[in-house]
N, C-alpha and C. Protein backbone atom coordinates (compact mmCIF):
# COMPACT_ATOMS: atom_id res chain seq x y z
N UNK A 1 0.96 -1.25 0.02
CA UNK A 1 0.02 0.02 0.14
C UNK A 1 0.97 1.26 0.02
N UNK A 2 0.25 2.31 -0.35
CA UNK A 2 1.00 3.62 -0.56
C UNK A 2 1.45 3.97 0.92
N UNK A 3 0.67 3.80 2.14
CA UNK A 3 1.08 4.08 3.30
C UNK A 3 2.32 3.39 3.73
N UNK A 4 2.48 2.07 3.32
CA UNK A 4 3.65 1.36 3.79
C UNK A 4 4.95 1.85 3.11
N UNK A 5 4.73 2.33 1.79
CA UNK A 5 5.72 2.92 1.03
C UNK A 5 6.25 4.11 1.67
N UNK A 6 5.28 5.14 2.00
CA UNK A 6 5.70 6.38 2.54
C UNK A 6 6.25 6.16 3.94
N UNK A 7 5.85 5.35 4.75
CA UNK A 7 6.36 5.15 6.04
C UNK A 7 7.79 4.67 5.98
N UNK A 8 8.10 3.74 5.03
CA UNK A 8 9.48 3.31 4.79
C UNK A 8 10.28 4.38 4.34
N UNK A 9 9.88 5.23 3.38
CA UNK A 9 10.65 6.38 2.85
C UNK A 9 10.97 7.30 4.03
N UNK A 10 9.95 7.64 4.79
CA UNK A 10 10.34 8.46 6.06
C UNK A 10 11.29 7.89 6.83
N UNK A 11 11.16 6.63 7.08
CA UNK A 11 12.21 5.92 8.09
C UNK A 11 13.70 6.04 7.44
N UNK A 12 13.73 5.90 6.11
CA UNK A 12 14.94 5.93 5.34
C UNK A 12 15.46 7.38 5.43
N UNK A 13 14.59 8.23 5.32
CA UNK A 13 15.14 9.73 5.51
C UNK A 13 15.70 9.99 6.88
N UNK A 14 15.09 9.34 7.99
CA UNK A 14 15.53 9.66 9.25
C UNK A 14 16.86 8.77 9.43
N UNK A 15 16.99 7.73 8.88
CA UNK A 15 18.33 6.91 8.86
C UNK A 15 19.33 7.73 8.25
N UNK A 16 19.09 8.37 7.04
CA UNK A 16 20.07 9.08 6.30
C UNK A 16 20.51 10.46 7.12
N UNK A 17 19.45 11.00 7.73
CA UNK A 17 19.80 12.13 8.58
C UNK A 17 20.81 11.91 9.76
N UNK A 18 20.79 10.52 10.27
CA UNK A 18 21.70 10.36 11.27
C UNK A 18 23.01 9.63 10.77
N UNK A 19 23.21 9.69 9.43
CA UNK A 19 24.49 9.33 8.97
C UNK A 19 24.50 7.88 8.59
N UNK A 20 23.48 7.01 8.80
CA UNK A 20 23.47 5.44 8.49
C UNK A 20 23.94 5.35 7.00
N UNK A 21 23.42 6.25 6.10
CA UNK A 21 23.83 5.97 4.68
C UNK A 21 25.17 6.76 4.21
N UNK A 22 25.87 7.10 5.17
CA UNK A 22 27.11 7.80 4.83
C UNK A 22 28.13 6.83 4.09
N UNK A 23 29.07 7.23 3.36
CA UNK A 23 30.00 6.22 2.80
C UNK A 23 30.58 5.29 3.75
N UNK A 24 30.77 4.14 3.48
CA UNK A 24 31.55 3.17 4.47
C UNK A 24 32.73 3.58 5.01
N UNK A 25 33.53 4.35 4.37
CA UNK A 25 34.63 4.99 4.90
C UNK A 25 34.47 6.03 6.01
N UNK A 26 33.26 6.57 6.11
CA UNK A 26 32.82 7.42 7.32
C UNK A 26 31.97 6.57 8.32
N UNK A 27 31.91 5.41 8.33
CA UNK A 27 31.16 4.63 9.33
C UNK A 27 29.94 4.18 8.91
N UNK A 28 29.35 4.59 7.74
CA UNK A 28 27.97 4.32 7.32
C UNK A 28 27.94 2.99 6.63
N UNK A 29 26.71 2.74 5.99
CA UNK A 29 26.58 1.26 5.53
C UNK A 29 26.38 1.45 3.93
N UNK A 30 26.02 2.61 3.37
CA UNK A 30 25.77 2.84 2.07
C UNK A 30 26.76 3.71 1.37
N UNK A 31 27.01 3.40 0.26
CA UNK A 31 27.86 4.16 -0.56
C UNK A 31 27.58 4.20 -2.12
N UNK A 32 27.64 5.31 -2.69
CA UNK A 32 27.34 5.33 -4.16
C UNK A 32 28.27 4.46 -4.97
N UNK A 33 29.51 4.30 -4.38
CA UNK A 33 30.50 3.54 -5.03
C UNK A 33 30.58 2.15 -4.63
N UNK A 34 29.43 1.41 -4.36
CA UNK A 34 29.28 0.19 -3.96
C UNK A 34 30.20 -0.98 -4.65
N UNK A 35 30.20 -0.55 -6.08
CA UNK A 35 30.94 -1.54 -6.93
C UNK A 35 32.49 -1.52 -6.49
N UNK A 36 32.95 -0.39 -6.20
CA UNK A 36 34.38 -0.30 -5.62
C UNK A 36 34.52 -1.24 -4.34
N UNK A 37 33.60 -0.93 -3.40
CA UNK A 37 33.60 -1.77 -2.25
C UNK A 37 33.63 -3.29 -2.47
N UNK A 38 32.80 -3.61 -3.44
CA UNK A 38 32.78 -5.09 -3.76
C UNK A 38 34.06 -5.61 -4.25
N UNK A 39 34.66 -4.73 -5.11
CA UNK A 39 35.92 -5.20 -5.64
C UNK A 39 37.00 -5.23 -4.57
N UNK A 40 36.84 -4.47 -3.46
CA UNK A 40 37.90 -4.67 -2.44
C UNK A 40 37.44 -5.87 -1.37
N UNK A 41 36.37 -6.55 -1.77
CA UNK A 41 36.00 -7.68 -0.94
C UNK A 41 34.94 -7.32 0.18
N UNK A 42 34.38 -6.16 0.00
CA UNK A 42 33.31 -5.78 1.11
C UNK A 42 32.00 -6.62 0.80
N UNK A 43 31.37 -6.84 1.78
CA UNK A 43 30.12 -7.72 1.61
C UNK A 43 29.10 -6.71 1.03
N UNK A 44 28.12 -7.23 0.22
CA UNK A 44 27.04 -6.30 -0.24
C UNK A 44 25.99 -6.15 0.92
N UNK A 45 25.33 -5.03 0.83
CA UNK A 45 24.33 -4.62 1.62
C UNK A 45 23.02 -5.25 1.27
N UNK A 46 22.42 -5.92 2.12
CA UNK A 46 21.22 -6.73 2.00
C UNK A 46 20.02 -6.11 2.70
N UNK A 47 19.01 -6.11 1.93
CA UNK A 47 17.68 -5.41 2.55
C UNK A 47 16.52 -6.40 2.51
N UNK A 48 15.86 -6.67 3.51
CA UNK A 48 14.74 -7.59 3.38
C UNK A 48 13.47 -6.76 3.90
N UNK A 49 12.29 -7.44 3.62
CA UNK A 49 11.04 -6.79 4.02
C UNK A 49 10.29 -7.93 4.98
N UNK A 50 9.86 -7.45 5.98
CA UNK A 50 9.13 -8.29 6.90
C UNK A 50 7.64 -8.03 6.87
N UNK A 51 7.23 -7.22 6.03
CA UNK A 51 5.84 -6.78 5.76
C UNK A 51 4.75 -7.85 5.31
N UNK A 52 5.25 -8.88 4.80
CA UNK A 52 4.41 -9.94 4.41
C UNK A 52 3.45 -9.62 3.11
N UNK A 53 3.71 -8.43 2.54
CA UNK A 53 2.95 -8.23 1.27
C UNK A 53 3.73 -8.23 -0.01
N UNK A 54 3.36 -7.50 -0.86
CA UNK A 54 4.14 -7.39 -2.25
C UNK A 54 5.48 -6.74 -2.11
N UNK A 55 5.81 -6.19 -1.19
CA UNK A 55 7.26 -5.70 -0.98
C UNK A 55 7.43 -4.27 -1.19
N UNK A 56 6.47 -3.36 -0.81
CA UNK A 56 6.39 -2.04 -1.00
C UNK A 56 7.65 -1.38 -0.28
N UNK A 57 8.17 -2.07 0.92
CA UNK A 57 9.15 -1.54 1.60
C UNK A 57 10.50 -1.56 0.82
N UNK A 58 10.60 -2.76 -0.02
CA UNK A 58 11.66 -2.98 -0.83
C UNK A 58 11.73 -1.94 -1.95
N UNK A 59 10.65 -1.81 -2.49
CA UNK A 59 10.60 -0.67 -3.49
C UNK A 59 10.95 0.69 -2.90
N UNK A 60 10.55 1.09 -1.83
CA UNK A 60 10.94 2.26 -1.28
C UNK A 60 12.41 2.39 -1.06
N UNK A 61 13.05 1.33 -0.57
CA UNK A 61 14.41 1.28 -0.32
C UNK A 61 15.15 1.43 -1.80
N UNK A 62 14.71 0.77 -2.75
CA UNK A 62 15.35 0.75 -3.96
C UNK A 62 15.21 2.17 -4.67
N UNK A 63 14.05 2.86 -4.46
CA UNK A 63 13.97 4.18 -5.04
C UNK A 63 14.73 5.18 -4.18
N UNK A 64 14.75 4.85 -2.94
CA UNK A 64 15.49 5.81 -2.04
C UNK A 64 16.94 5.74 -2.30
N UNK A 65 17.53 4.66 -2.47
CA UNK A 65 18.95 4.40 -2.61
C UNK A 65 19.31 5.18 -4.03
N UNK A 66 18.47 5.05 -5.01
CA UNK A 66 18.68 5.69 -6.39
C UNK A 66 18.69 7.28 -6.14
N UNK A 67 17.65 7.74 -5.25
CA UNK A 67 17.50 9.10 -5.03
C UNK A 67 18.70 9.53 -4.25
N UNK A 68 19.04 8.84 -3.14
CA UNK A 68 20.17 9.15 -2.35
C UNK A 68 21.57 9.45 -3.16
N UNK A 69 21.72 8.38 -4.09
CA UNK A 69 22.81 8.53 -4.82
C UNK A 69 22.85 9.91 -5.83
N UNK A 70 21.78 10.03 -6.33
CA UNK A 70 21.64 11.31 -7.28
C UNK A 70 21.79 12.57 -6.56
N UNK A 71 21.35 12.76 -5.33
CA UNK A 71 21.41 13.98 -4.58
C UNK A 71 22.72 13.92 -3.92
N UNK A 72 23.64 12.98 -4.02
CA UNK A 72 24.94 13.09 -3.37
C UNK A 72 24.91 12.94 -1.80
N UNK A 73 23.87 12.37 -1.34
CA UNK A 73 23.94 12.12 0.04
C UNK A 73 23.52 13.38 0.89
N UNK A 74 22.92 14.34 0.25
CA UNK A 74 22.54 15.68 1.02
C UNK A 74 21.26 15.37 1.73
N UNK A 75 21.19 15.59 3.00
CA UNK A 75 19.81 15.41 3.69
C UNK A 75 18.90 16.83 3.57
N UNK A 76 19.57 17.91 3.21
CA UNK A 76 18.76 18.97 2.97
C UNK A 76 19.13 19.57 1.70
N UNK A 77 18.39 19.50 0.61
CA UNK A 77 18.68 19.95 -0.62
C UNK A 77 18.76 21.51 -0.84
N UNK A 78 18.12 22.17 0.21
CA UNK A 78 18.16 23.67 0.04
C UNK A 78 19.32 24.43 0.49
N UNK A 79 20.20 23.62 1.14
CA UNK A 79 21.55 24.33 1.66
C UNK A 79 22.66 23.89 0.76
């Protein structure tokens, strides 16, 4: 449902604001250069859904990861 998608997106925004999606070199778990991390032997980030439905949470994560990469990891695009 759209509600599960938006709740997941909001959760991902809060996680990003706390630095969880910072590059791995800065202690985060997400990096736009994940291919380079894999080449160095890093384990890939795995995401799962416990919602029991068609996976709106996973869709939200996928779209958020693409969005986060495009904006360069900025939590506030106005600054």
